[in-house]
N, C-alpha and C. Protein backbone atom coordinates (compact mmCIF):
# COMPACT_ATOMS: atom_id res chain seq x y z
N MET A 1 8.49 11.18 28.98
CA MET A 1 8.79 11.05 27.57
C MET A 1 7.64 10.32 26.91
N ASN A 2 7.38 10.77 25.68
CA ASN A 2 6.36 10.10 24.86
C ASN A 2 7.03 9.03 24.01
N LYS A 3 6.49 7.89 24.09
CA LYS A 3 6.98 6.82 23.19
C LYS A 3 6.09 6.78 21.98
N LYS A 4 6.68 6.81 20.84
CA LYS A 4 5.95 6.79 19.59
C LYS A 4 5.82 5.27 19.23
N THR A 5 4.56 4.84 19.03
CA THR A 5 4.34 3.48 18.63
C THR A 5 4.56 3.34 17.15
N ASN A 6 5.19 2.20 16.81
CA ASN A 6 5.43 1.96 15.36
C ASN A 6 4.13 1.38 14.77
N VAL A 7 3.76 2.05 13.72
CA VAL A 7 2.62 1.59 12.99
C VAL A 7 3.04 1.08 11.65
N THR A 8 2.56 -0.16 11.35
CA THR A 8 2.87 -0.75 10.08
C THR A 8 1.54 -0.83 9.31
N LEU A 9 1.60 -0.66 7.98
CA LEU A 9 0.45 -0.80 7.14
C LEU A 9 0.44 -2.14 6.44
N ARG A 10 -0.61 -2.90 6.54
CA ARG A 10 -0.70 -4.13 5.80
C ARG A 10 -1.55 -3.79 4.52
N ILE A 11 -0.94 -3.89 3.41
CA ILE A 11 -1.54 -3.50 2.15
C ILE A 11 -1.83 -4.72 1.26
N THR A 12 -3.03 -4.88 0.82
CA THR A 12 -3.44 -6.03 -0.05
C THR A 12 -4.04 -5.52 -1.36
N GLN A 13 -3.57 -6.07 -2.40
CA GLN A 13 -4.14 -5.68 -3.74
C GLN A 13 -5.35 -6.48 -3.93
N ILE A 14 -6.55 -5.75 -4.13
CA ILE A 14 -7.80 -6.44 -4.24
C ILE A 14 -8.47 -6.30 -5.65
N LYS A 15 -7.82 -5.54 -6.54
CA LYS A 15 -8.34 -5.33 -7.82
C LYS A 15 -7.19 -5.30 -8.83
N SER A 16 -7.45 -5.75 -10.01
CA SER A 16 -6.46 -5.82 -11.09
C SER A 16 -6.20 -4.39 -11.71
N PRO A 17 -4.92 -4.13 -12.08
CA PRO A 17 -4.68 -2.80 -12.69
C PRO A 17 -4.86 -2.82 -14.20
N ILE A 18 -5.36 -3.98 -14.74
CA ILE A 18 -5.54 -4.04 -16.19
C ILE A 18 -6.51 -2.96 -16.61
N GLY A 19 -6.19 -2.19 -17.60
CA GLY A 19 -7.04 -1.14 -18.13
C GLY A 19 -6.70 0.17 -17.56
N TYR A 20 -5.81 0.23 -16.52
CA TYR A 20 -5.33 1.51 -15.96
C TYR A 20 -4.00 1.91 -16.57
N ARG A 21 -3.68 3.14 -16.39
CA ARG A 21 -2.47 3.72 -17.01
C ARG A 21 -1.18 3.05 -16.35
N GLN A 22 -0.11 3.20 -17.04
CA GLN A 22 1.14 2.59 -16.65
C GLN A 22 1.65 3.11 -15.30
N ARG A 23 1.31 4.32 -15.00
CA ARG A 23 1.68 4.91 -13.67
C ARG A 23 1.08 4.13 -12.50
N THR A 24 -0.10 3.64 -12.71
CA THR A 24 -0.75 2.75 -11.69
C THR A 24 0.05 1.47 -11.45
N TRP A 25 0.46 0.87 -12.57
CA TRP A 25 1.26 -0.36 -12.47
C TRP A 25 2.55 -0.11 -11.75
N LYS A 26 3.24 0.97 -12.07
CA LYS A 26 4.48 1.32 -11.44
C LYS A 26 4.32 1.60 -9.96
N THR A 27 3.18 2.17 -9.58
CA THR A 27 2.96 2.46 -8.15
C THR A 27 2.76 1.17 -7.36
N LEU A 28 2.01 0.21 -7.91
CA LEU A 28 1.85 -1.14 -7.32
C LEU A 28 3.18 -1.79 -7.17
N GLU A 29 4.02 -1.73 -8.19
CA GLU A 29 5.35 -2.30 -8.14
C GLU A 29 6.21 -1.69 -7.06
N ALA A 30 6.13 -0.37 -6.94
CA ALA A 30 6.87 0.37 -5.93
C ALA A 30 6.46 0.00 -4.48
N LEU A 31 5.16 -0.34 -4.32
CA LEU A 31 4.66 -0.76 -3.03
C LEU A 31 5.07 -2.26 -2.74
N GLY A 32 5.51 -2.96 -3.75
CA GLY A 32 5.93 -4.34 -3.53
C GLY A 32 4.83 -5.35 -3.92
N LEU A 33 3.80 -4.92 -4.48
CA LEU A 33 2.68 -5.78 -4.78
C LEU A 33 2.87 -6.40 -6.23
N LYS A 34 2.70 -7.68 -6.29
CA LYS A 34 3.00 -8.40 -7.57
C LYS A 34 1.82 -8.98 -8.22
N ARG A 35 0.77 -9.27 -7.49
CA ARG A 35 -0.38 -9.99 -8.06
C ARG A 35 -1.60 -9.77 -7.18
N MET A 36 -2.73 -10.24 -7.68
CA MET A 36 -4.00 -10.06 -6.91
C MET A 36 -3.90 -10.82 -5.58
N HIS A 37 -4.45 -10.21 -4.58
CA HIS A 37 -4.49 -10.84 -3.21
C HIS A 37 -3.11 -11.00 -2.59
N HIS A 38 -2.16 -10.34 -3.11
CA HIS A 38 -0.75 -10.31 -2.54
C HIS A 38 -0.80 -9.23 -1.45
N THR A 39 -0.19 -9.59 -0.29
CA THR A 39 -0.17 -8.69 0.84
C THR A 39 1.27 -8.35 1.22
N VAL A 40 1.53 -7.07 1.50
CA VAL A 40 2.85 -6.65 1.97
C VAL A 40 2.65 -5.73 3.19
N GLU A 41 3.73 -5.65 3.94
CA GLU A 41 3.69 -4.74 5.12
C GLU A 41 4.69 -3.66 4.85
N GLN A 42 4.30 -2.40 5.01
CA GLN A 42 5.18 -1.24 4.83
C GLN A 42 5.04 -0.36 6.05
N SER A 43 6.12 0.36 6.30
CA SER A 43 6.09 1.28 7.43
C SER A 43 5.15 2.47 7.03
N ASP A 44 4.57 3.07 8.05
CA ASP A 44 3.62 4.19 7.84
C ASP A 44 4.44 5.49 7.77
N ASN A 45 4.51 6.00 6.57
CA ASN A 45 5.17 7.31 6.40
C ASN A 45 4.49 8.02 5.24
N PRO A 46 4.75 9.37 5.05
CA PRO A 46 4.00 10.11 4.08
C PRO A 46 4.18 9.61 2.66
N ALA A 47 5.33 9.08 2.28
CA ALA A 47 5.55 8.59 0.94
C ALA A 47 4.68 7.44 0.63
N ILE A 48 4.58 6.48 1.54
CA ILE A 48 3.76 5.33 1.36
C ILE A 48 2.27 5.71 1.36
N ARG A 49 1.90 6.64 2.26
CA ARG A 49 0.52 7.13 2.30
C ARG A 49 0.15 7.78 0.98
N GLY A 50 1.04 8.49 0.35
CA GLY A 50 0.78 9.16 -0.94
C GLY A 50 0.56 8.17 -2.02
N MET A 51 1.37 7.09 -2.04
CA MET A 51 1.20 6.04 -3.04
C MET A 51 -0.10 5.38 -2.91
N ILE A 52 -0.49 5.11 -1.63
CA ILE A 52 -1.77 4.41 -1.36
C ILE A 52 -2.91 5.31 -1.79
N LYS A 53 -2.82 6.61 -1.57
CA LYS A 53 -3.89 7.54 -1.92
C LYS A 53 -4.10 7.59 -3.44
N SER A 54 -3.04 7.45 -4.20
CA SER A 54 -3.18 7.54 -5.64
C SER A 54 -3.80 6.35 -6.27
N ILE A 55 -3.82 5.16 -5.62
CA ILE A 55 -4.39 3.95 -6.12
C ILE A 55 -5.27 3.25 -5.11
N GLU A 56 -5.89 4.03 -4.25
CA GLU A 56 -6.72 3.42 -3.17
C GLU A 56 -7.87 2.57 -3.64
N HIS A 57 -8.30 2.75 -4.89
CA HIS A 57 -9.39 1.95 -5.43
C HIS A 57 -8.98 0.53 -5.77
N LEU A 58 -7.70 0.25 -5.77
CA LEU A 58 -7.16 -1.10 -6.00
C LEU A 58 -6.70 -1.83 -4.77
N LEU A 59 -6.71 -1.18 -3.64
CA LEU A 59 -6.12 -1.71 -2.42
C LEU A 59 -7.02 -1.81 -1.21
N LYS A 60 -6.61 -2.68 -0.27
CA LYS A 60 -7.27 -2.70 1.06
C LYS A 60 -6.11 -2.47 2.00
N VAL A 61 -6.25 -1.54 2.92
CA VAL A 61 -5.22 -1.15 3.84
C VAL A 61 -5.67 -1.29 5.28
N GLU A 62 -4.78 -1.90 6.05
CA GLU A 62 -5.08 -2.06 7.52
C GLU A 62 -3.89 -1.61 8.27
N GLU A 63 -4.14 -0.97 9.38
CA GLU A 63 -3.05 -0.55 10.31
C GLU A 63 -2.75 -1.64 11.33
N VAL A 64 -1.47 -2.00 11.45
CA VAL A 64 -1.05 -2.98 12.41
C VAL A 64 -0.06 -2.31 13.39
N LYS A 65 -0.40 -2.32 14.66
CA LYS A 65 0.46 -1.72 15.66
C LYS A 65 1.46 -2.76 16.19
N ASP A 66 2.71 -2.44 16.29
CA ASP A 66 3.78 -3.33 16.81
C ASP A 66 3.84 -3.28 18.26
C-alpha cells in the first residue's frame, strides 16, 4: 500500500495589499492572513493552491511535511 504523506503549506504575507483590488484583500482574508509577516499553515489542496496562485506576488510559500 502507498501511504500518502500529508503536506502542509506554510504561507507568509510578505507584501502589503494596499493599492490592489478588493478581490486581493478578500483572498488574503480567506487564507487567514491578517497583516504583514503573519504566517498560517494550510493543508495542500487545489483550492488553496488556486488562491496562492492568484496572489503569489504578495506571499512566501513553503511546504512542510508532517
